C-alpha atoms as a PDB file:
ATOM      1  CA  MET A   1     -23.470  48.932  -0.698  1.00  0.00           C
ATOM      2  CA  THR A   2     -22.085  45.599  -1.509  1.00  0.00           C
ATOM      3  CA  GLU A   3     -17.990  45.561  -1.634  1.00  0.00           C
ATOM      4  CA  PRO A   4     -16.869  43.927  -4.712  1.00  0.00           C
ATOM      5  CA  ILE A   5     -15.277  40.358  -4.613  1.00  0.00           C
ATOM      6  CA  ASP A   6     -11.570  40.512  -4.857  1.00  0.00           C
ATOM      7  CA  GLU A   7     -11.049  37.488  -7.209  1.00  0.00           C
ATOM      8  CA  SER A   8      -7.521  37.073  -6.331  1.00  0.00           C
ATOM      9  CA  ASN A   9      -8.557  36.196  -3.036  1.00  0.00           C
ATOM     10  CA  ILE A  10     -10.466  33.194  -4.474  1.00  0.00           C
ATOM     11  CA  GLU A  11      -8.018  32.050  -6.754  1.00  0.00           C
ATOM     12  CA  SER A  12      -5.512  31.828  -4.234  1.00  0.00           C
ATOM     13  CA  LEU A  13      -7.816  29.530  -1.976  1.00  0.00           C
ATOM     14  CA  PHE A  14      -7.109  26.735  -4.986  1.00  0.00           C
ATOM     15  CA  GLU A  15      -3.363  27.657  -5.549  1.00  0.00           C
ATOM     16  CA  ALA A  16      -1.353  24.203  -4.429  1.00  0.00           C
ATOM     17  CA  PRO A  17       1.209  24.790  -1.534  1.00  0.00           C
ATOM     18  CA  PRO A  18       4.991  24.980  -2.917  1.00  0.00           C
ATOM     19  CA  MET A  19       6.442  21.824  -3.944  1.00  0.00           C
ATOM     20  CA  ALA A  20       8.634  22.031  -0.768  1.00  0.00           C
ATOM     21  CA  GLU A  21       5.528  21.770   1.324  1.00  0.00           C
ATOM     22  CA  GLN A  22       3.892  19.481  -0.959  1.00  0.00           C
ATOM     23  CA  GLU A  23       6.727  17.137  -0.595  1.00  0.00           C
ATOM     24  CA  ARG A  24       6.767  17.774   3.710  1.00  0.00           C
ATOM     25  CA  MET A  25       2.749  16.751   3.239  1.00  0.00           C
ATOM     26  CA  ILE A  26       3.608  13.561   1.354  1.00  0.00           C
ATOM     27  CA  GLU A  27       6.184  12.516   3.792  1.00  0.00           C
ATOM     28  CA  ALA A  28       4.353  13.169   6.828  1.00  0.00           C
ATOM     29  CA  ILE A  29       1.491  11.073   4.994  1.00  0.00           C
ATOM     30  CA  LEU A  30       3.641   8.108   3.961  1.00  0.00           C
ATOM     31  CA  PHE A  31       5.663   8.010   7.889  1.00  0.00           C
ATOM     32  CA  ALA A  32       2.239   7.533   9.199  1.00  0.00           C
ATOM     33  CA  VAL A  33       0.701   4.867   6.937  1.00  0.00           C
ATOM     34  CA  SER A  34       1.513   1.371   7.617  1.00  0.00           C
ATOM     35  CA  GLU A  35       1.151   0.096   3.774  1.00  0.00           C
ATOM     36  CA  PRO A  36       2.083   1.602   0.505  1.00  0.00           C
ATOM     37  CA  MET A  37      -0.308   3.963  -0.993  1.00  0.00           C
ATOM     38  CA  THR A  38      -0.663   4.555  -4.436  1.00  0.00           C
ATOM     39  CA  SER A  39      -0.361   8.463  -6.537  1.00  0.00           C
ATOM     40  CA  LYS A  40      -4.036   8.830  -6.333  1.00  0.00           C
ATOM     41  CA  GLN A  41      -4.534   8.002  -2.845  1.00  0.00           C
ATOM     42  CA  ILE A  42      -2.178  10.340  -1.818  1.00  0.00           C
ATOM     43  CA  ALA A  43      -3.628  12.996  -4.210  1.00  0.00           C
ATOM     44  CA  ASP A  44      -6.827  12.677  -2.415  1.00  0.00           C
ATOM     45  CA  ARG A  45      -5.327  13.711   0.675  1.00  0.00           C
ATOM     46  CA  LEU A  46      -3.546  16.806  -0.626  1.00  0.00           C
ATOM     47  CA  PRO A  47      -4.676  20.438  -1.397  1.00  0.00           C
ATOM     48  CA  HIS A  48      -6.110  20.713  -5.109  1.00  0.00           C
ATOM     49  CA  GLY A  49      -3.599  21.119  -7.577  1.00  0.00           C
ATOM     50  CA  CYS A  50      -0.677  19.504  -6.052  1.00  0.00           C
ATOM     51  CA  GLU A  51       1.548  17.975  -8.400  1.00  0.00           C
ATOM     52  CA  VAL A  52       2.249  14.349  -6.873  1.00  0.00           C
ATOM     53  CA  PRO A  53       4.514  12.420  -9.427  1.00  0.00           C
ATOM     54  CA  GLU A  54       6.859  15.393  -9.452  1.00  0.00           C
ATOM     55  CA  ALA A  55       6.833  15.816  -5.487  1.00  0.00           C
ATOM     56  CA  LEU A  56       7.417  12.073  -4.996  1.00  0.00           C
ATOM     57  CA  ALA A  57      10.402  12.245  -7.614  1.00  0.00           C
ATOM     58  CA  TYR A  58      11.479  15.054  -5.233  1.00  0.00           C
ATOM     59  CA  LEU A  59      11.481  13.228  -2.384  1.00  0.00           C
ATOM     60  CA  ARG A  60      12.864  10.195  -3.476  1.00  0.00           C
ATOM     61  CA  LYS A  61      15.868  12.096  -4.400  1.00  0.00           C
ATOM     62  CA  ARG A  62      16.341  13.924  -1.393  1.00  0.00           C
ATOM     63  CA  TYR A  63      16.203   9.985   0.581  1.00  0.00           C
ATOM     64  CA  ASP A  64      18.754   8.769  -1.692  1.00  0.00           C
ATOM     65  CA  GLY A  65      21.883   7.423   0.295  1.00  0.00           C
ATOM     66  CA  LYS A  66      19.750   7.723   3.269  1.00  0.00           C
ATOM     67  CA  GLY A  67      19.194   5.127   6.217  1.00  0.00           C
ATOM     68  CA  VAL A  68      15.241   5.365   4.943  1.00  0.00           C
ATOM     69  CA  ASN A  69      14.448   5.176   1.369  1.00  0.00           C
ATOM     70  CA  LEU A  70      11.559   5.781  -0.494  1.00  0.00           C
ATOM     71  CA  VAL A  71      10.648   2.833  -2.465  1.00  0.00           C
ATOM     72  CA  LYS A  72       7.793   1.886  -5.361  1.00  0.00           C
ATOM     73  CA  ALA A  73       6.231  -1.196  -5.059  1.00  0.00           C
ATOM     74  CA  GLY A  74       4.325  -1.749  -7.861  1.00  0.00           C
ATOM     75  CA  ASP A  75       1.926   1.174  -7.731  1.00  0.00           C
ATOM     76  CA  GLY A  76       2.120   1.823  -4.163  1.00  0.00           C
ATOM     77  CA  TRP A  77       4.957   4.299  -2.442  1.00  0.00           C
ATOM     78  CA  ALA A  78       6.182   3.680   1.150  1.00  0.00           C
ATOM     79  CA  PHE A  79       9.436   4.312   3.008  1.00  0.00           C
ATOM     80  CA  ARG A  80      11.708   1.175   3.425  1.00  0.00           C
ATOM     81  CA  THR A  81      15.046   0.869   5.448  1.00  0.00           C
ATOM     82  CA  ALA A  82      18.276   1.228   3.164  1.00  0.00           C
ATOM     83  CA  PRO A  83      18.949  -2.566   1.700  1.00  0.00           C
ATOM     84  CA  ASP A  84      22.400  -2.406   2.903  1.00  0.00           C
ATOM     85  CA  LEU A  85      21.037  -1.318   6.554  1.00  0.00           C
ATOM     86  CA  GLY A  86      18.743  -4.693   6.615  1.00  0.00           C
ATOM     87  CA  PHE A  87      20.893  -6.480   9.120  1.00  0.00           C
ATOM     88  CA  LEU A  88      20.353  -3.703  11.870  1.00  0.00           C
ATOM     89  CA  MET A  89      16.637  -4.899  11.998  1.00  0.00           C
ATOM     90  CA  GLN A  90      16.988  -8.747  12.700  1.00  0.00           C
ATOM     91  CA  LYS A  91      16.845  -8.800  16.100  1.00  0.00           C
ATOM     92  CA  GLU A  92      13.382  -7.013  15.709  1.00  0.00           C
ATOM     93  CA  THR A  93      12.295  -9.286  12.718  1.00  0.00           C
ATOM     94  CA  VAL A  94      10.366 -12.217  13.624  1.00  0.00           C
ATOM     95  CA  GLU A  95      11.063 -15.205  11.307  1.00  0.00           C
ATOM     96  CA  THR A  96       7.713 -17.131  10.237  1.00  0.00           C
ATOM     97  CA  ARG A  97       7.209 -20.648   8.703  1.00  0.00           C
ATOM     98  CA  LYS A  98       9.668 -20.959   5.876  1.00  0.00           C
ATOM     99  CA  LEU A  99       7.901 -22.090   2.397  1.00  0.00           C
ATOM    100  CA  SER A 100       8.337 -25.406   1.188  1.00  0.00           C
ATOM    101  CA  ARG A 101      10.045 -26.487  -1.915  1.00  0.00           C
ATOM    102  CA  ALA A 102       6.551 -26.917  -3.833  1.00  0.00           C
ATOM    103  CA  GLY A 103       5.587 -23.356  -2.476  1.00  0.00           C
ATOM    104  CA  VAL A 104       8.727 -21.542  -3.599  1.00  0.00           C
ATOM    105  CA  GLU A 105       8.555 -23.066  -6.803  1.00  0.00           C
ATOM    106  CA  THR A 106       5.084 -22.425  -7.547  1.00  0.00           C
ATOM    107  CA  LEU A 107       5.476 -18.567  -6.444  1.00  0.00           C
ATOM    108  CA  ALA A 108       8.560 -18.765  -8.811  1.00  0.00           C
ATOM    109  CA  ILE A 109       6.334 -19.890 -11.771  1.00  0.00           C
ATOM    110  CA  ILE A 110       3.329 -17.545 -11.176  1.00  0.00           C
ATOM    111  CA  ALA A 111       5.866 -14.334 -10.701  1.00  0.00           C
ATOM    112  CA  TYR A 112       8.150 -15.280 -13.976  1.00  0.00           C
ATOM    113  CA  HIS A 113       5.389 -16.321 -16.462  1.00  0.00           C
ATOM    114  CA  GLN A 114       2.171 -14.476 -15.234  1.00  0.00           C
ATOM    115  CA  PRO A 115      -0.580 -14.440 -15.559  1.00  0.00           C
ATOM    116  CA  THR A 116      -0.545 -18.445 -16.088  1.00  0.00           C
ATOM    117  CA  THR A 117      -3.196 -21.224 -14.988  1.00  0.00           C
ATOM    118  CA  ARG A 118      -2.862 -23.984 -12.883  1.00  0.00           C
ATOM    119  CA  ALA A 119      -2.267 -26.145 -15.766  1.00  0.00           C
ATOM    120  CA  GLU A 120       0.834 -24.430 -17.328  1.00  0.00           C
ATOM    121  CA  ILE A 121       2.240 -24.288 -13.559  1.00  0.00           C
ATOM    122  CA  GLU A 122       1.985 -28.287 -13.482  1.00  0.00           C
ATOM    123  CA  GLU A 123       3.361 -28.441 -16.773  1.00  0.00           C
ATOM    124  CA  ILE A 124       6.314 -26.491 -15.721  1.00  0.00           C
ATOM    125  CA  ARG A 125       6.932 -28.040 -12.367  1.00  0.00           C
ATOM    126  CA  GLY A 126       6.265 -31.761 -14.278  1.00  0.00           C
ATOM    127  CA  VAL A 127       3.844 -32.797 -11.192  1.00  0.00           C
ATOM    128  CA  SER A 128       0.614 -32.330  -9.969  1.00  0.00           C
ATOM    129  CA  VAL A 129      -0.096 -28.844  -7.612  1.00  0.00           C
ATOM    130  CA  SER A 130      -2.101 -29.206  -4.649  1.00  0.00           C
ATOM    131  CA  ARG A 131      -4.893 -27.024  -3.960  1.00  0.00           C
ATOM    132  CA  GLY A 132      -3.294 -26.064  -0.450  1.00  0.00           C
ATOM    133  CA  THR A 133      -0.549 -24.596  -2.270  1.00  0.00           C
ATOM    134  CA  LEU A 134      -2.676 -22.108  -3.845  1.00  0.00           C
ATOM    135  CA  ASP A 135      -4.875 -21.373  -1.013  1.00  0.00           C
ATOM    136  CA  MET A 136      -2.051 -20.579   1.301  1.00  0.00           C
ATOM    137  CA  LEU A 137      -0.410 -18.280  -1.395  1.00  0.00           C
ATOM    138  CA  LEU A 138      -3.577 -16.590  -1.854  1.00  0.00           C
ATOM    139  CA  GLU A 139      -3.877 -16.222   1.779  1.00  0.00           C
ATOM    140  CA  LEU A 140      -0.470 -14.744   2.290  1.00  0.00           C
ATOM    141  CA  GLY A 141      -1.725 -12.031  -0.294  1.00  0.00           C
ATOM    142  CA  TRP A 142       1.279 -12.716  -2.524  1.00  0.00           C
ATOM    143  CA  ILE A 143      -1.049 -14.008  -5.519  1.00  0.00           C
ATOM    144  CA  LYS A 144      -4.275 -13.588  -6.404  1.00  0.00           C
ATOM    145  CA  LEU A 145      -6.730 -14.464  -9.496  1.00  0.00           C
ATOM    146  CA  GLY A 146      -6.218 -12.614 -12.764  1.00  0.00           C
ATOM    147  CA  ARG A 147      -8.500 -12.668 -15.973  1.00  0.00           C
ATOM    148  CA  ARG A 148      -9.762 -15.833 -17.327  1.00  0.00           C
ATOM    149  CA  ARG A 149      -8.388 -17.486 -20.279  1.00  0.00           C
ATOM    150  CA  MET A 150     -10.277 -17.060 -23.410  1.00  0.00           C
ATOM    151  CA  SER A 151      -9.877 -20.849 -24.144  1.00  0.00           C
ATOM    152  CA  PRO A 152     -11.718 -23.849 -23.761  1.00  0.00           C
ATOM    153  CA  GLY A 153     -13.085 -23.973 -20.148  1.00  0.00           C
ATOM    154  CA  ARG A 154     -12.029 -20.234 -19.481  1.00  0.00           C
ATOM    155  CA  PRO A 155      -9.582 -21.267 -16.760  1.00  0.00           C
ATOM    156  CA  VAL A 156      -8.550 -18.634 -14.338  1.00  0.00           C
ATOM    157  CA  THR A 157      -5.275 -17.285 -14.318  1.00  0.00           C
ATOM    158  CA  PHE A 158      -2.530 -16.283 -10.901  1.00  0.00           C
ATOM    159  CA  ILE A 159      -0.507 -13.008 -11.072  1.00  0.00           C
ATOM    160  CA  VAL A 160       1.126 -11.612  -8.293  1.00  0.00           C
ATOM    161  CA  THR A 161       0.339  -8.729  -6.126  1.00  0.00           C
ATOM    162  CA  GLN A 162       1.443  -5.553  -5.092  1.00  0.00           C
ATOM    163  CA  GLU A 163       1.923  -7.100  -1.308  1.00  0.00           C
ATOM    164  CA  PHE A 164       4.445  -9.830  -3.084  1.00  0.00           C
ATOM    165  CA  LEU A 165       6.372  -6.924  -4.817  1.00  0.00           C
ATOM    166  CA  ASP A 166       6.747  -4.660  -1.505  1.00  0.00           C
ATOM    167  CA  HIS A 167       7.786  -8.237   0.603  1.00  0.00           C
ATOM    168  CA  PHE A 168      10.605  -8.416  -1.664  1.00  0.00           C
ATOM    169  CA  GLY A 169      11.570  -5.039  -2.497  1.00  0.00           C
ATOM    170  CA  LEU A 170      10.498  -5.025  -6.363  1.00  0.00           C
ATOM    171  CA  GLU A 171       8.998  -2.114  -8.049  1.00  0.00           C
ATOM    172  CA  THR A 172       7.801  -4.173 -10.901  1.00  0.00           C
ATOM    173  CA  SER A 173       7.761  -7.755 -11.746  1.00  0.00           C
ATOM    174  CA  ARG A 174      11.023  -6.952 -14.051  1.00  0.00           C
ATOM    175  CA  ASP A 175      13.121  -6.486 -11.318  1.00  0.00           C
ATOM    176  CA  LEU A 176      13.053 -10.060 -10.368  1.00  0.00           C
ATOM    177  CA  PRO A 177      16.328 -11.578  -9.935  1.00  0.00           C
ATOM    178  CA  GLY A 178      18.254 -13.973 -12.795  1.00  0.00           C
ATOM    179  CA  ILE A 179      18.488 -17.833 -12.906  1.00  0.00           C
ATOM    180  CA  LYS A 180      22.187 -17.478 -12.000  1.00  0.00           C
ATOM    181  CA  GLU A 181      21.189 -14.991  -8.883  1.00  0.00           C
ATOM    182  CA  LEU A 182      18.173 -17.527  -8.217  1.00  0.00           C
ATOM    183  CA  ARG A 183      20.778 -20.530  -7.916  1.00  0.00           C
ATOM    184  CA  ALA A 184      23.340 -18.674  -6.052  1.00  0.00           C
ATOM    185  CA  ALA A 185      20.562 -17.988  -3.340  1.00  0.00           C
ATOM    186  CA  GLY A 186      19.686 -21.830  -3.105  1.00  0.00           C
ATOM    187  CA  ILE A 187      16.078 -21.453  -4.802  1.00  0.00           C
ATOM    188  CA  LEU A 188      17.042 -23.162  -7.799  1.00  0.00           C
ATOM    189  CA  ASP A 189      19.165 -26.196  -8.254  1.00  0.00           C
ATOM    190  CA  ASN A 190      20.685 -28.028 -10.934  1.00  0.00           C
ATOM    191  CA  ARG A 191      18.063 -31.051 -10.681  1.00  0.00           C
ATOM    192  CA  PRO A 192      17.247 -32.579 -14.195  1.00  0.00           C
ATOM    193  CA  PRO A 193      13.958 -31.028 -15.989  1.00  0.00           C
ATOM    194  CA  PRO A 194      10.526 -32.030 -14.928  1.00  0.00           C
ATOM    195  CA  GLY A 195       8.886 -35.064 -16.256  1.00  0.00           C
ATOM    196  CA  SER A 196      12.556 -36.336 -17.252  1.00  0.00           C
ATOM    197  CA  VAL A 197      12.450 -39.041 -14.550  1.00  0.00           C
ATOM    198  CA  GLY A 198       9.121 -40.474 -13.799  1.00  0.00           C
ATOM    199  CA  ASP A 199       6.465 -37.957 -14.608  1.00  0.00           C
ATOM    200  CA  VAL A 200       3.666 -37.957 -12.052  1.00  0.00           C
ATOM    201  CA  GLU A 201       0.017 -39.200 -13.162  1.00  0.00           C
ATOM    202  CA  GLU A 202      -2.761 -36.613 -13.128  1.00  0.00           C
ATOM    203  CA  GLY A 203      -4.514 -36.032  -9.976  1.00  0.00           C
ATOM    204  CA  ASP A 204      -1.220 -37.283  -7.987  1.00  0.00           C
ATOM    205  CA  VAL A 205       0.117 -34.856  -5.276  1.00  0.00           C
ATOM    206  CA  ASP A 206       3.671 -34.402  -5.556  1.00  0.00           C
ATOM    207  CA  GLU A 207       5.268 -35.446  -1.986  1.00  0.00           C
ATOM    208  CA  ARG A 208       6.581 -31.955  -1.737  1.00  0.00           C
ATOM    209  CA  ASP A 209       3.176 -30.727  -1.827  1.00  0.00           C
ATOM    210  CA  GLN A 210       1.915 -32.820   0.839  1.00  0.00           C
ATOM    211  CA  ASP A 211       0.385 -31.754   4.069  1.00  0.00           C
ATOM    212  CA  ASP A 212       1.384 -28.385   4.700  1.00  0.00           C
ATOM    213  CA  MET A 213       3.136 -25.954   1.906  1.00  0.00           C
ATOM    214  CA  PHE A 214       5.402 -24.829   4.937  1.00  0.00           C
ATOM    215  CA  GLU A 215       8.401 -26.948   6.241  1.00  0.00           C
END
C-alpha cells in the first residue's frame, strides 16, 4: 500500500531560509567575487523565494560604520573599504598612469551630459576630440556606446559604465561632485570658456589630445 504524500514536507522544500540566513548567504557571495553583482545575479545563486532587496538592505545597515561597507555602484553591489580608511590601503595600491587633461575633460563631459555625441563633446570643449582619447576611455571600460540619436546621420552617443561608478565610489551618476568640488580638487580651473580665444578648426587636434591620452 502506497503511503500518502505529506504535502507540508513538499512545501517546506520551497520555503526560503530565514532572513538572517539569506544575509549570510549574500555576504558569502559578495566576499568571494571580484566584481559587483546585480540583485538578479545574486538571486540566481540563492534558494527559491529569497527576498534579495530586503536582505541587501539589512546587510548594508549591518556594515554601516564598519571598516568594510556594502555599497551600490550602478546596478551592482560590492564590499568596499570605508572611505575614511582608504589611506590605509595606499601602500597596497599601485598608481597607474595619470589621465591627461584632455582625457579628464572628455570623461567629465560624458559623465555630466550623458548620453552625448562626439560633436557635442567637441562643442563643449571648444576643440576636436582625438579618436585615441575616446578609444582609451572605451578600453578602460569607463565609457560605452549608448543609443544612436534620432537625428541626421544617427550619431552614436557615449555614456559612463558601472565600472566607472565603481571606480569612483558612486552609486549613480547623480552622485557626481559639483563644480565647486571639482575646482577644489584641481580638476576644473578658471580658464576662459572654450572657443573664446582662438577656436580650433574642424579636423585639427588640440595639443592636449596629441599622442597618448595619458601623461
